[in-house]
């Protein structure tokens, strides 16, 4: 059986920057790297909220982006 070992975590913030000419949302993303592997969901969400408060864009969501190695057991 194989094991998964996380090697890197990033926090991706997604914002809406208005609407285009057709009325579709314009989406912008900001990725924060060097996130601790052990960071909890609450810590990541609080960080996302803090960064969102610094911008005039509408905050849509936060994503945990994890890179992992798959190795044999």
PDB file of N, CA and C in Angstrom:
ATOM      1  N   UNK A   1       0.842  -1.175   0.000  1.00  0.00           N
ATOM      2  CA  UNK A   1       0.000   0.000   0.000  1.00  0.00           C
ATOM      3  C   UNK A   1       0.894   1.249   0.000  1.00  0.00           C
ATOM      4  N   UNK A   2       0.461   2.288  -0.641  1.00  0.00           N
ATOM      5  CA  UNK A   2       1.238   3.526  -0.754  1.00  0.00           C
ATOM      6  C   UNK A   2       0.846   4.518   0.336  1.00  0.00           C
ATOM      7  N   UNK A   3       1.759   5.429   0.621  1.00  0.00           N
ATOM      8  CA  UNK A   3       1.523   6.500   1.593  1.00  0.00           C
ATOM      9  C   UNK A   3       1.671   7.848   0.906  1.00  0.00           C
ATOM     10  N   UNK A   4       0.926   8.812   1.406  1.00  0.00           N
ATOM     11  CA  UNK A   4       0.985  10.176   0.883  1.00  0.00           C
ATOM     12  C   UNK A   4       1.658  11.055   1.926  1.00  0.00           C
ATOM     13  N   UNK A   5       2.668  11.827   1.500  1.00  0.00           N
ATOM     14  CA  UNK A   5       3.386  12.743   2.390  1.00  0.00           C
ATOM     15  C   UNK A   5       3.313  14.148   1.796  1.00  0.00           C
ATOM     16  N   UNK A   6       2.636  15.051   2.512  1.00  0.00           N
ATOM     17  CA  UNK A   6       2.536  16.435   2.041  1.00  0.00           C
ATOM     18  C   UNK A   6       3.920  17.072   2.043  1.00  0.00           C
ATOM     19  N   UNK A   7       4.235  17.785   0.961  1.00  0.00           N
ATOM     20  CA  UNK A   7       5.538  18.439   0.853  1.00  0.00           C
ATOM     21  C   UNK A   7       5.429  19.956   0.791  1.00  0.00           C
ATOM     22  N   UNK A   8       4.250  20.466   0.421  1.00  0.00           N
ATOM     23  CA  UNK A   8       4.093  21.911   0.260  1.00  0.00           C
ATOM     24  C   UNK A   8       2.619  22.266   0.384  1.00  0.00           C
ATOM     25  N   UNK A   9       2.337  23.394   1.035  1.00  0.00           N
ATOM     26  CA  UNK A   9       0.972  23.897   1.151  1.00  0.00           C
ATOM     27  C   UNK A   9       0.973  25.355   0.731  1.00  0.00           C
ATOM     28  N   UNK A  10      -0.029  25.729  -0.061  1.00  0.00           N
ATOM     29  CA  UNK A  10      -0.224  27.119  -0.467  1.00  0.00           C
ATOM     30  C   UNK A  10      -1.663  27.505  -0.160  1.00  0.00           C
ATOM     31  N   UNK A  11      -1.885  28.782   0.032  1.00  0.00           N
ATOM     32  CA  UNK A  11      -3.222  29.311   0.272  1.00  0.00           C
ATOM     33  C   UNK A  11      -3.598  30.178  -0.915  1.00  0.00           C
ATOM     34  N   UNK A  12      -4.658  29.781  -1.622  1.00  0.00           N
ATOM     35  CA  UNK A  12      -5.098  30.544  -2.794  1.00  0.00           C
ATOM     36  C   UNK A  12      -6.356  31.323  -2.424  1.00  0.00           C
ATOM     37  N   UNK A  13      -6.302  32.636  -2.615  1.00  0.00           N
ATOM     38  CA  UNK A  13      -7.433  33.515  -2.355  1.00  0.00           C
ATOM     39  C   UNK A  13      -8.083  33.866  -3.686  1.00  0.00           C
ATOM     40  N   UNK A  14      -9.409  33.837  -3.728  1.00  0.00           N
ATOM     41  CA  UNK A  14     -10.143  34.124  -4.956  1.00  0.00           C
ATOM     42  C   UNK A  14     -11.026  35.343  -4.700  1.00  0.00           C
ATOM     43  N   UNK A  15     -10.900  36.337  -5.588  1.00  0.00           N
ATOM     44  CA  UNK A  15     -11.634  37.590  -5.466  1.00  0.00           C
ATOM     45  C   UNK A  15     -12.419  37.876  -6.741  1.00  0.00           C
ATOM     46  N   UNK A  16     -13.491  38.659  -6.601  1.00  0.00           N
ATOM     47  CA  UNK A  16     -14.211  39.161  -7.766  1.00  0.00           C
ATOM     48  C   UNK A  16     -13.863  40.631  -7.930  1.00  0.00           C
ATOM     49  N   UNK A  17     -13.475  40.986  -9.160  1.00  0.00           N
ATOM     50  CA  UNK A  17     -13.079  42.361  -9.478  1.00  0.00           C
ATOM     51  C   UNK A  17     -14.071  42.959 -10.464  1.00  0.00           C
ATOM     52  N   UNK A  18     -15.339  42.933 -10.110  1.00  0.00           N
ATOM     53  CA  UNK A  18     -16.357  43.520 -10.963  1.00  0.00           C
ATOM     54  C   UNK A  18     -16.881  42.544 -12.005  1.00  0.00           C
ATOM     55  N   UNK A  19     -17.527  43.125 -13.032  1.00  0.00           N
ATOM     56  CA  UNK A  19     -18.132  42.345 -14.102  1.00  0.00           C
ATOM     57  C   UNK A  19     -17.587  42.797 -15.442  1.00  0.00           C
ATOM     58  N   UNK A  20     -17.523  41.866 -16.399  1.00  0.00           N
ATOM     59  CA  UNK A  20     -17.085  42.244 -17.742  1.00  0.00           C
ATOM     60  C   UNK A  20     -18.270  42.800 -18.532  1.00  0.00           C
ATOM     61  N   UNK A  21     -18.071  43.084 -19.808  1.00  0.00           N
ATOM     62  CA  UNK A  21     -19.113  43.689 -20.646  1.00  0.00           C
ATOM     63  C   UNK A  21     -20.342  42.803 -20.805  1.00  0.00           C
ATOM     64  N   UNK A  22     -20.174  41.503 -20.638  1.00  0.00           N
ATOM     65  CA  UNK A  22     -21.287  40.567 -20.782  1.00  0.00           C
ATOM     66  C   UNK A  22     -21.953  40.245 -19.448  1.00  0.00           C
ATOM     67  N   UNK A  23     -21.484  40.838 -18.380  1.00  0.00           N
ATOM     68  CA  UNK A  23     -22.054  40.609 -17.062  1.00  0.00           C
ATOM     69  C   UNK A  23     -21.462  39.441 -16.306  1.00  0.00           C
ATOM     70  N   UNK A  24     -20.434  38.822 -16.851  1.00  0.00           N
ATOM     71  CA  UNK A  24     -19.767  37.709 -16.168  1.00  0.00           C
ATOM     72  C   UNK A  24     -18.756  38.259 -15.165  1.00  0.00           C
ATOM     73  N   UNK A  25     -18.604  37.585 -14.028  1.00  0.00           N
ATOM     74  CA  UNK A  25     -17.655  38.080 -13.026  1.00  0.00           C
ATOM     75  C   UNK A  25     -16.208  37.993 -13.508  1.00  0.00           C
ATOM     76  N   UNK A  26     -15.429  39.001 -13.144  1.00  0.00           N
ATOM     77  CA  UNK A  26     -13.985  38.994 -13.387  1.00  0.00           C
ATOM     78  C   UNK A  26     -13.346  38.460 -12.108  1.00  0.00           C
ATOM     79  N   UNK A  27     -12.654  37.329 -12.230  1.00  0.00           N
ATOM     80  CA  UNK A  27     -12.089  36.659 -11.060  1.00  0.00           C
ATOM     81  C   UNK A  27     -10.582  36.865 -11.029  1.00  0.00           C
ATOM     82  N   UNK A  28     -10.077  37.209  -9.850  1.00  0.00           N
ATOM     83  CA  UNK A  28      -8.638  37.353  -9.637  1.00  0.00           C
ATOM     84  C   UNK A  28      -8.230  36.406  -8.520  1.00  0.00           C
ATOM     85  N   UNK A  29      -7.028  35.859  -8.653  1.00  0.00           N
ATOM     86  CA  UNK A  29      -6.511  34.925  -7.652  1.00  0.00           C
ATOM     87  C   UNK A  29      -5.160  35.399  -7.136  1.00  0.00           C
ATOM     88  N   UNK A  30      -4.935  35.168  -5.862  1.00  0.00           N
ATOM     89  CA  UNK A  30      -3.651  35.464  -5.235  1.00  0.00           C
ATOM     90  C   UNK A  30      -3.239  34.229  -4.451  1.00  0.00           C
ATOM     91  N   UNK A  31      -2.031  33.745  -4.705  1.00  0.00           N
ATOM     92  CA  UNK A  31      -1.549  32.546  -4.032  1.00  0.00           C
ATOM     93  C   UNK A  31      -0.438  32.909  -3.058  1.00  0.00           C
ATOM     94  N   UNK A  32      -0.600  32.477  -1.827  1.00  0.00           N
ATOM     95  CA  UNK A  32       0.398  32.697  -0.782  1.00  0.00           C
ATOM     96  C   UNK A  32       1.143  31.389  -0.565  1.00  0.00           C
ATOM     97  N   UNK A  33       2.457  31.442  -0.651  1.00  0.00           N
ATOM     98  CA  UNK A  33       3.261  30.230  -0.482  1.00  0.00           C
ATOM     99  C   UNK A  33       3.922  30.225   0.895  1.00  0.00           C
ATOM    100  N   UNK A  34       4.669  29.169   1.139  1.00  0.00           N
ATOM    101  CA  UNK A  34       5.387  28.982   2.401  1.00  0.00           C
ATOM    102  C   UNK A  34       4.431  28.900   3.589  1.00  0.00           C
ATOM    103  N   UNK A  35       3.329  28.196   3.395  1.00  0.00           N
ATOM    104  CA  UNK A  35       2.361  27.963   4.459  1.00  0.00           C
ATOM    105  C   UNK A  35       2.806  26.722   5.237  1.00  0.00           C
ATOM    106  N   UNK A  36       2.698  26.767   6.541  1.00  0.00           N
ATOM    107  CA  UNK A  36       3.084  25.607   7.360  1.00  0.00           C
ATOM    108  C   UNK A  36       2.241  24.395   6.997  1.00  0.00           C
ATOM    109  N   UNK A  37       2.876  23.248   6.922  1.00  0.00           N
ATOM    110  CA  UNK A  37       2.164  22.012   6.596  1.00  0.00           C
ATOM    111  C   UNK A  37       1.086  21.695   7.628  1.00  0.00           C
ATOM    112  N   UNK A  38       1.326  22.061   8.877  1.00  0.00           N
ATOM    113  CA  UNK A  38       0.400  21.731   9.961  1.00  0.00           C
ATOM    114  C   UNK A  38      -0.671  22.795  10.186  1.00  0.00           C
ATOM    115  N   UNK A  39      -0.759  23.796   9.334  1.00  0.00           N
ATOM    116  CA  UNK A  39      -1.743  24.866   9.520  1.00  0.00           C
ATOM    117  C   UNK A  39      -3.156  24.289   9.450  1.00  0.00           C
ATOM    118  N   UNK A  40      -3.979  24.665  10.421  1.00  0.00           N
ATOM    119  CA  UNK A  40      -5.353  24.156  10.468  1.00  0.00           C
ATOM    120  C   UNK A  40      -6.245  24.937   9.507  1.00  0.00           C
ATOM    121  N   UNK A  41      -7.419  24.396   9.256  1.00  0.00           N
ATOM    122  CA  UNK A  41      -8.387  25.066   8.388  1.00  0.00           C
ATOM    123  C   UNK A  41      -8.783  26.420   8.976  1.00  0.00           C
ATOM    124  N   UNK A  42      -8.951  26.485  10.300  1.00  0.00           N
ATOM    125  CA  UNK A  42      -9.294  27.756  10.948  1.00  0.00           C
ATOM    126  C   UNK A  42      -8.190  28.789  10.766  1.00  0.00           C
ATOM    127  N   UNK A  43      -6.944  28.377  10.909  1.00  0.00           N
ATOM    128  CA  UNK A  43      -5.824  29.303  10.727  1.00  0.00           C
ATOM    129  C   UNK A  43      -5.769  29.817   9.291  1.00  0.00           C
ATOM    130  N   UNK A  44      -5.969  28.931   8.334  1.00  0.00           N
ATOM    131  CA  UNK A  44      -5.950  29.347   6.931  1.00  0.00           C
ATOM    132  C   UNK A  44      -7.105  30.297   6.629  1.00  0.00           C
ATOM    133  N   UNK A  45      -8.282  29.991   7.142  1.00  0.00           N
ATOM    134  CA  UNK A  45      -9.436  30.853   6.894  1.00  0.00           C
ATOM    135  C   UNK A  45      -9.244  32.229   7.527  1.00  0.00           C
ATOM    136  N   UNK A  46      -8.727  32.268   8.749  1.00  0.00           N
ATOM    137  CA  UNK A  46      -8.475  33.552   9.410  1.00  0.00           C
ATOM    138  C   UNK A  46      -7.438  34.371   8.643  1.00  0.00           C
ATOM    139  N   UNK A  47      -6.420  33.707   8.111  1.00  0.00           N
ATOM    140  CA  UNK A  47      -5.417  34.389   7.291  1.00  0.00           C
ATOM    141  C   UNK A  47      -6.054  34.941   6.028  1.00  0.00           C
ATOM    142  N   UNK A  48      -6.898  34.149   5.398  1.00  0.00           N
ATOM    143  CA  UNK A  48      -7.586  34.597   4.183  1.00  0.00           C
ATOM    144  C   UNK A  48      -8.463  35.811   4.476  1.00  0.00           C
ATOM    145  N   UNK A  49      -9.180  35.782   5.581  1.00  0.00           N
ATOM    146  CA  UNK A  49     -10.033  36.916   5.954  1.00  0.00           C
ATOM    147  C   UNK A  49      -9.200  38.172   6.217  1.00  0.00           C
ATOM    148  N   UNK A  50      -8.054  38.005   6.851  1.00  0.00           N
ATOM    149  CA  UNK A  50      -7.187  39.151   7.127  1.00  0.00           C
ATOM    150  C   UNK A  50      -6.684  39.780   5.829  1.00  0.00           C
ATOM    151  N   UNK A  51      -6.245  38.953   4.880  1.00  0.00           N
ATOM    152  CA  UNK A  51      -5.794  39.485   3.596  1.00  0.00           C
ATOM    153  C   UNK A  51      -6.951  40.104   2.823  1.00  0.00           C
ATOM    154  N   UNK A  52      -8.118  39.487   2.885  1.00  0.00           N
ATOM    155  CA  UNK A  52      -9.285  40.006   2.163  1.00  0.00           C
ATOM    156  C   UNK A  52      -9.683  41.386   2.677  1.00  0.00           C
ATOM    157  N   UNK A  53      -9.460  41.634   3.959  1.00  0.00           N
ATOM    158  CA  UNK A  53      -9.824  42.935   4.526  1.00  0.00           C
ATOM    159  C   UNK A  53      -8.919  44.060   4.021  1.00  0.00           C
ATOM    160  N   UNK A  54      -7.788  43.703   3.414  1.00  0.00           N
ATOM    161  CA  UNK A  54      -6.836  44.705   2.928  1.00  0.00           C
ATOM    162  C   UNK A  54      -7.094  45.129   1.484  1.00  0.00           C
ATOM    163  N   UNK A  55      -8.074  44.534   0.836  1.00  0.00           N
ATOM    164  CA  UNK A  55      -8.324  44.823  -0.567  1.00  0.00           C
ATOM    165  C   UNK A  55      -9.744  45.323  -0.776  1.00  0.00           C
ATOM    166  N   UNK A  56      -9.968  45.978  -1.892  1.00  0.00           N
ATOM    167  CA  UNK A  56     -11.309  46.455  -2.219  1.00  0.00           C
ATOM    168  C   UNK A  56     -12.092  45.431  -3.032  1.00  0.00           C
ATOM    169  N   UNK A  57     -11.451  44.331  -3.436  1.00  0.00           N
ATOM    170  CA  UNK A  57     -12.133  43.281  -4.192  1.00  0.00           C
ATOM    171  C   UNK A  57     -13.085  42.507  -3.276  1.00  0.00           C
ATOM    172  N   UNK A  58     -14.095  41.896  -3.874  1.00  0.00           N
ATOM    173  CA  UNK A  58     -15.016  41.050  -3.126  1.00  0.00           C
ATOM    174  C   UNK A  58     -14.385  39.674  -2.940  1.00  0.00           C
ATOM    175  N   UNK A  59     -14.244  39.257  -1.698  1.00  0.00           N
ATOM    176  CA  UNK A  59     -13.642  37.957  -1.384  1.00  0.00           C
ATOM    177  C   UNK A  59     -14.658  36.858  -1.667  1.00  0.00           C
ATOM    178  N   UNK A  60     -14.261  35.871  -2.499  1.00  0.00           N
ATOM    179  CA  UNK A  60     -15.156  34.776  -2.852  1.00  0.00           C
ATOM    180  C   UNK A  60     -14.854  33.495  -2.086  1.00  0.00           C
ATOM    181  N   UNK A  61     -13.593  33.082  -2.078  1.00  0.00           N
ATOM    182  CA  UNK A  61     -13.251  31.824  -1.422  1.00  0.00           C
ATOM    183  C   UNK A  61     -11.763  31.714  -1.169  1.00  0.00           C
ATOM    184  N   UNK A  62     -11.424  30.758  -0.312  1.00  0.00           N
ATOM    185  CA  UNK A  62     -10.026  30.423  -0.031  1.00  0.00           C
ATOM    186  C   UNK A  62      -9.852  28.938  -0.285  1.00  0.00           C
ATOM    187  N   UNK A  63      -8.717  28.565  -0.882  1.00  0.00           N
ATOM    188  CA  UNK A  63      -8.424  27.163  -1.183  1.00  0.00           C
ATOM    189  C   UNK A  63      -7.078  26.778  -0.596  1.00  0.00           C
ATOM    190  N   UNK A  64      -7.046  25.606   0.007  1.00  0.00           N
ATOM    191  CA  UNK A  64      -5.773  25.029   0.448  1.00  0.00           C
ATOM    192  C   UNK A  64      -5.263  24.190  -0.720  1.00  0.00           C
ATOM    193  N   UNK A  65      -4.078  24.517  -1.216  1.00  0.00           N
ATOM    194  CA  UNK A  65      -3.479  23.794  -2.338  1.00  0.00           C
ATOM    195  C   UNK A  65      -2.305  23.011  -1.778  1.00  0.00           C
ATOM    196  N   UNK A  66      -2.426  21.706  -1.822  1.00  0.00           N
ATOM    197  CA  UNK A  66      -1.417  20.847  -1.206  1.00  0.00           C
ATOM    198  C   UNK A  66      -0.715  20.014  -2.270  1.00  0.00           C
ATOM    199  N   UNK A  67       0.599  19.991  -2.207  1.00  0.00           N
ATOM    200  CA  UNK A  67       1.407  19.129  -3.064  1.00  0.00           C
ATOM    201  C   UNK A  67       1.928  18.000  -2.187  1.00  0.00           C
ATOM    202  N   UNK A  68       1.830  16.785  -2.700  1.00  0.00           N
ATOM    203  CA  UNK A  68       2.238  15.633  -1.897  1.00  0.00           C
ATOM    204  C   UNK A  68       2.981  14.621  -2.757  1.00  0.00           C
ATOM    205  N   UNK A  69       3.850  13.878  -2.102  1.00  0.00           N
ATOM    206  CA  UNK A  69       4.540  12.756  -2.733  1.00  0.00           C
ATOM    207  C   UNK A  69       3.799  11.476  -2.366  1.00  0.00           C
ATOM    208  N   UNK A  70       3.696  10.582  -3.329  1.00  0.00           N
ATOM    209  CA  UNK A  70       3.118   9.268  -3.074  1.00  0.00           C
ATOM    210  C   UNK A  70       4.258   8.265  -3.123  1.00  0.00           C
ATOM    211  N   UNK A  71       4.446   7.561  -2.007  1.00  0.00           N
ATOM    212  CA  UNK A  71       5.573   6.638  -1.893  1.00  0.00           C
ATOM    213  C   UNK A  71       5.074   5.271  -1.442  1.00  0.00           C
ATOM    214  N   UNK A  72       5.787   4.231  -1.822  1.00  0.00           N
ATOM    215  CA  UNK A  72       5.381   2.899  -1.369  1.00  0.00           C
ATOM    216  C   UNK A  72       5.532   2.780   0.141  1.00  0.00           C
ATOM    217  N   UNK A  73       4.735   1.953   0.723  1.00  0.00           N
ATOM    218  CA  UNK A  73       4.721   1.750   2.168  1.00  0.00           C
ATOM    219  C   UNK A  73       5.952   1.107   2.642  1.00  0.00           C
TER     220      UNK A  73
END
